């Protein structure tokens, strides 16, 4: 997302060589949903931690939940 935004505003960046970890991709085979798809952040968090009282789509809250999910996926 950051890479695409920097490209959109034509800001020189060096993100091509950085490793990435996509929590949606890595949780897709673990999180059981009604149909096979990449889980939304809210769905993946609920699967691992139960329903959270979080305002999703709030940048800070999304970062906190993504970090929590990341830590769970790499433990």
Protein backbone atom coordinates (compact mmCIF):
# COMPACT_ATOMS: atom_id res chain seq x y z
CA UNK A 1 0.00 0.00 0.00
CA UNK A 2 2.78 2.40 0.92
CA UNK A 3 4.67 1.58 -2.27
CA UNK A 4 1.60 2.25 -4.42
CA UNK A 5 0.91 5.55 -2.68
CA UNK A 6 4.50 6.72 -3.17
CA UNK A 7 4.27 5.79 -6.85
CA UNK A 8 0.98 7.67 -7.14
CA UNK A 9 2.53 10.91 -5.86
CA UNK A 10 5.69 10.22 -7.88
CA UNK A 11 7.90 10.26 -4.79
CA UNK A 12 11.24 8.50 -5.29
CA UNK A 13 11.39 5.44 -3.09
CA UNK A 14 13.41 2.30 -2.63
CA UNK A 15 10.79 -0.19 -1.47
CA UNK A 16 11.26 -2.68 -4.30
CA UNK A 17 14.01 -4.57 -2.50
CA UNK A 18 12.35 -4.73 0.91
CA UNK A 19 10.83 -7.95 2.21
CA UNK A 20 7.14 -7.90 3.00
CA UNK A 21 4.83 -9.97 5.16
CA UNK A 22 1.18 -9.87 4.17
CA UNK A 23 -0.96 -10.87 7.16
CA UNK A 24 -3.96 -11.47 4.88
CA UNK A 25 -2.00 -13.86 2.68
CA UNK A 26 -0.44 -15.78 5.56
CA UNK A 27 -3.69 -16.11 7.47
CA UNK A 28 -5.75 -17.19 4.42
CA UNK A 29 -5.02 -20.92 4.89
CA UNK A 30 -5.57 -20.77 8.65
CA UNK A 31 -8.68 -18.63 9.10
CA UNK A 32 -11.79 -20.67 8.34
CA UNK A 33 -14.43 -18.64 6.54
CA UNK A 34 -17.66 -19.68 4.83
CA UNK A 35 -16.03 -19.28 1.43
CA UNK A 36 -12.37 -19.49 0.49
CA UNK A 37 -10.98 -15.97 0.32
CA UNK A 38 -8.41 -13.74 1.92
CA UNK A 39 -9.73 -12.74 5.35
CA UNK A 40 -10.31 -9.11 6.20
CA UNK A 41 -8.30 -7.82 9.14
CA UNK A 42 -11.40 -7.94 11.34
CA UNK A 43 -12.09 -11.57 10.37
CA UNK A 44 -8.52 -12.72 11.02
CA UNK A 45 -8.34 -10.94 14.38
CA UNK A 46 -11.70 -12.39 15.43
CA UNK A 47 -10.55 -15.89 14.45
CA UNK A 48 -7.42 -15.75 16.60
CA UNK A 49 -8.51 -13.49 19.46
CA UNK A 50 -12.31 -13.36 19.41
CA UNK A 51 -14.35 -10.29 18.59
CA UNK A 52 -12.48 -7.14 19.59
CA UNK A 53 -13.94 -3.80 20.55
CA UNK A 54 -11.96 -1.93 17.89
CA UNK A 55 -12.82 0.80 15.41
CA UNK A 56 -11.59 -0.88 12.23
CA UNK A 57 -10.58 1.40 9.35
CA UNK A 58 -9.10 3.81 11.88
CA UNK A 59 -5.42 3.97 10.92
CA UNK A 60 -4.00 3.61 14.43
CA UNK A 61 -6.41 0.83 15.39
CA UNK A 62 -5.69 -1.06 12.15
CA UNK A 63 -1.95 -0.84 12.78
CA UNK A 64 -2.38 -2.14 16.34
CA UNK A 65 -4.51 -5.07 15.20
CA UNK A 66 -2.20 -5.85 12.27
CA UNK A 67 0.75 -5.98 14.67
CA UNK A 68 -1.18 -8.25 17.04
CA UNK A 69 -2.06 -10.53 14.12
CA UNK A 70 1.51 -10.47 12.79
CA UNK A 71 2.90 -11.50 16.17
CA UNK A 72 0.42 -14.40 16.33
CA UNK A 73 1.28 -15.60 12.82
CA UNK A 74 5.05 -15.64 13.41
CA UNK A 75 5.06 -17.19 16.91
